[in-house]
């Protein structure tokens, strides 16, 4: 009977220890931009005209990404300058025909 009481007491202590112990918290941290880019580049395979430089952001993409992450709007003056620069770089068709055969475009895309 004494051993049964001892087992019951030990069980109570064991269970109370489990009930009061703090679980170990797993802290997840957000990856840095450099870490994300490294993973993308390591999983991307160059093929034909698709080179690794496609993963590098231009000035506009970088600005938009940073604004999105910070939650703050892009400076209006800077946004207008970048927009004007991008519009100036657009090359319009020399013959003035803007629509083409989508099948030909699909061949280029593939």
C-alpha atoms as a PDB file:
ATOM      1  CA  UNK A   1       0.000   0.000   0.000  1.00  0.00           C
ATOM      2  CA  UNK A   2       2.895   2.285   0.835  1.00  0.00           C
ATOM      3  CA  UNK A   3       4.406   1.770  -2.634  1.00  0.00           C
ATOM      4  CA  UNK A   4       1.046   2.548  -4.258  1.00  0.00           C
ATOM      5  CA  UNK A   5       0.874   5.822  -2.330  1.00  0.00           C
ATOM      6  CA  UNK A   6       4.431   6.611  -3.356  1.00  0.00           C
ATOM      7  CA  UNK A   7       3.595   5.958  -7.017  1.00  0.00           C
ATOM      8  CA  UNK A   8       0.495   8.181  -6.769  1.00  0.00           C
ATOM      9  CA  UNK A   9       2.498  11.018  -5.199  1.00  0.00           C
ATOM     10  CA  UNK A  10       5.219  10.691  -7.842  1.00  0.00           C
ATOM     11  CA  UNK A  11       2.596  10.697 -10.583  1.00  0.00           C
ATOM     12  CA  UNK A  12       0.969  13.831  -9.172  1.00  0.00           C
ATOM     13  CA  UNK A  13       4.341  15.622  -9.046  1.00  0.00           C
ATOM     14  CA  UNK A  14       5.180  14.487 -12.546  1.00  0.00           C
ATOM     15  CA  UNK A  15       1.856  15.623 -13.975  1.00  0.00           C
ATOM     16  CA  UNK A  16       1.931  18.928 -12.122  1.00  0.00           C
ATOM     17  CA  UNK A  17       5.410  19.562 -13.474  1.00  0.00           C
ATOM     18  CA  UNK A  18       4.166  18.982 -17.008  1.00  0.00           C
ATOM     19  CA  UNK A  19       1.162  21.231 -16.509  1.00  0.00           C
ATOM     20  CA  UNK A  20       3.148  24.188 -15.200  1.00  0.00           C
ATOM     21  CA  UNK A  21       6.143  24.101 -17.496  1.00  0.00           C
ATOM     22  CA  UNK A  22       6.306  26.827 -20.119  1.00  0.00           C
ATOM     23  CA  UNK A  23       6.367  25.503 -23.672  1.00  0.00           C
ATOM     24  CA  UNK A  24       9.390  26.493 -25.678  1.00  0.00           C
ATOM     25  CA  UNK A  25       8.411  29.248 -28.086  1.00  0.00           C
ATOM     26  CA  UNK A  26       9.590  29.024 -31.649  1.00  0.00           C
ATOM     27  CA  UNK A  27      10.417  32.485 -32.902  1.00  0.00           C
ATOM     28  CA  UNK A  28      10.100  32.865 -36.641  1.00  0.00           C
ATOM     29  CA  UNK A  29      11.978  35.732 -38.200  1.00  0.00           C
ATOM     30  CA  UNK A  30      11.263  37.238 -41.567  1.00  0.00           C
ATOM     31  CA  UNK A  31      13.948  36.554 -44.153  1.00  0.00           C
ATOM     32  CA  UNK A  32      15.940  39.515 -45.383  1.00  0.00           C
ATOM     33  CA  UNK A  33      15.698  40.683 -48.984  1.00  0.00           C
ATOM     34  CA  UNK A  34      19.194  39.327 -49.597  1.00  0.00           C
ATOM     35  CA  UNK A  35      18.182  35.898 -48.250  1.00  0.00           C
ATOM     36  CA  UNK A  36      15.087  35.809 -50.446  1.00  0.00           C
ATOM     37  CA  UNK A  37      17.112  36.788 -53.510  1.00  0.00           C
ATOM     38  CA  UNK A  38      19.709  34.106 -52.721  1.00  0.00           C
ATOM     39  CA  UNK A  39      16.993  31.434 -52.545  1.00  0.00           C
ATOM     40  CA  UNK A  40      15.430  32.645 -55.787  1.00  0.00           C
ATOM     41  CA  UNK A  41      18.761  32.639 -57.591  1.00  0.00           C
ATOM     42  CA  UNK A  42      19.670  29.197 -56.259  1.00  0.00           C
ATOM     43  CA  UNK A  43      16.385  27.738 -57.503  1.00  0.00           C
ATOM     44  CA  UNK A  44      16.366  29.496 -60.886  1.00  0.00           C
ATOM     45  CA  UNK A  45      17.970  27.840 -63.883  1.00  0.00           C
ATOM     46  CA  UNK A  46      19.105  29.936 -66.817  1.00  0.00           C
ATOM     47  CA  UNK A  47      17.495  28.810 -70.031  1.00  0.00           C
ATOM     48  CA  UNK A  48      17.833  30.466 -73.408  1.00  0.00           C
ATOM     49  CA  UNK A  49      17.256  34.189 -73.075  1.00  0.00           C
ATOM     50  CA  UNK A  50      16.041  33.765 -69.482  1.00  0.00           C
ATOM     51  CA  UNK A  51      19.129  34.722 -67.467  1.00  0.00           C
ATOM     52  CA  UNK A  52      19.639  35.281 -63.735  1.00  0.00           C
ATOM     53  CA  UNK A  53      19.658  39.052 -64.262  1.00  0.00           C
ATOM     54  CA  UNK A  54      15.858  38.823 -64.588  1.00  0.00           C
ATOM     55  CA  UNK A  55      15.766  38.479 -60.820  1.00  0.00           C
ATOM     56  CA  UNK A  56      17.509  41.831 -60.295  1.00  0.00           C
ATOM     57  CA  UNK A  57      15.086  44.682 -59.715  1.00  0.00           C
ATOM     58  CA  UNK A  58      15.315  47.943 -61.603  1.00  0.00           C
ATOM     59  CA  UNK A  59      14.975  51.280 -59.809  1.00  0.00           C
ATOM     60  CA  UNK A  60      11.181  51.380 -60.075  1.00  0.00           C
ATOM     61  CA  UNK A  61      10.696  47.795 -58.874  1.00  0.00           C
ATOM     62  CA  UNK A  62      13.064  48.370 -55.958  1.00  0.00           C
ATOM     63  CA  UNK A  63      11.256  51.551 -54.932  1.00  0.00           C
ATOM     64  CA  UNK A  64       7.858  49.847 -55.094  1.00  0.00           C
ATOM     65  CA  UNK A  65       9.091  46.835 -53.103  1.00  0.00           C
ATOM     66  CA  UNK A  66      10.513  49.042 -50.373  1.00  0.00           C
ATOM     67  CA  UNK A  67       7.329  51.116 -50.225  1.00  0.00           C
ATOM     68  CA  UNK A  68       5.238  47.962 -50.014  1.00  0.00           C
ATOM     69  CA  UNK A  69       7.337  46.528 -47.183  1.00  0.00           C
ATOM     70  CA  UNK A  70       7.416  49.768 -45.210  1.00  0.00           C
ATOM     71  CA  UNK A  71       3.741  50.546 -45.735  1.00  0.00           C
ATOM     72  CA  UNK A  72       4.638  54.129 -46.605  1.00  0.00           C
ATOM     73  CA  UNK A  73       3.668  55.746 -49.908  1.00  0.00           C
ATOM     74  CA  UNK A  74       6.296  56.559 -52.496  1.00  0.00           C
ATOM     75  CA  UNK A  75       7.420  60.183 -52.598  1.00  0.00           C
ATOM     76  CA  UNK A  76       5.196  61.818 -55.242  1.00  0.00           C
ATOM     77  CA  UNK A  77       7.981  63.829 -56.894  1.00  0.00           C
ATOM     78  CA  UNK A  78      10.253  60.789 -57.175  1.00  0.00           C
ATOM     79  CA  UNK A  79       7.384  58.670 -58.507  1.00  0.00           C
ATOM     80  CA  UNK A  80       6.673  61.264 -61.233  1.00  0.00           C
ATOM     81  CA  UNK A  81      10.360  61.371 -62.211  1.00  0.00           C
ATOM     82  CA  UNK A  82      10.547  57.591 -62.472  1.00  0.00           C
ATOM     83  CA  UNK A  83       7.300  57.447 -64.436  1.00  0.00           C
ATOM     84  CA  UNK A  84       8.529  60.076 -66.894  1.00  0.00           C
ATOM     85  CA  UNK A  85      11.802  58.193 -67.306  1.00  0.00           C
ATOM     86  CA  UNK A  86       9.979  54.908 -67.949  1.00  0.00           C
ATOM     87  CA  UNK A  87       7.607  56.496 -70.464  1.00  0.00           C
ATOM     88  CA  UNK A  88      10.536  58.083 -72.314  1.00  0.00           C
ATOM     89  CA  UNK A  89      12.107  54.628 -72.708  1.00  0.00           C
ATOM     90  CA  UNK A  90       9.032  53.132 -74.415  1.00  0.00           C
ATOM     91  CA  UNK A  91       9.759  52.234 -78.040  1.00  0.00           C
ATOM     92  CA  UNK A  92       6.697  52.508 -80.234  1.00  0.00           C
ATOM     93  CA  UNK A  93       6.405  50.556 -83.493  1.00  0.00           C
ATOM     94  CA  UNK A  94       8.032  52.406 -86.399  1.00  0.00           C
ATOM     95  CA  UNK A  95       5.114  51.582 -88.704  1.00  0.00           C
ATOM     96  CA  UNK A  96       2.524  52.861 -86.203  1.00  0.00           C
ATOM     97  CA  UNK A  97       0.758  49.487 -86.037  1.00  0.00           C
ATOM     98  CA  UNK A  98       0.238  48.631 -82.388  1.00  0.00           C
ATOM     99  CA  UNK A  99      -1.619  45.345 -82.763  1.00  0.00           C
ATOM    100  CA  UNK A 100      -0.086  42.234 -84.191  1.00  0.00           C
ATOM    101  CA  UNK A 101      -0.693  38.546 -84.533  1.00  0.00           C
ATOM    102  CA  UNK A 102      -0.942  37.040 -81.066  1.00  0.00           C
ATOM    103  CA  UNK A 103       0.229  33.676 -82.445  1.00  0.00           C
ATOM    104  CA  UNK A 104       3.570  35.235 -83.422  1.00  0.00           C
ATOM    105  CA  UNK A 105       3.861  36.746 -79.975  1.00  0.00           C
ATOM    106  CA  UNK A 106       3.183  33.346 -78.428  1.00  0.00           C
ATOM    107  CA  UNK A 107       6.057  31.869 -80.459  1.00  0.00           C
ATOM    108  CA  UNK A 108       8.413  34.543 -79.139  1.00  0.00           C
ATOM    109  CA  UNK A 109       7.191  33.977 -75.588  1.00  0.00           C
ATOM    110  CA  UNK A 110       7.737  30.238 -75.835  1.00  0.00           C
END
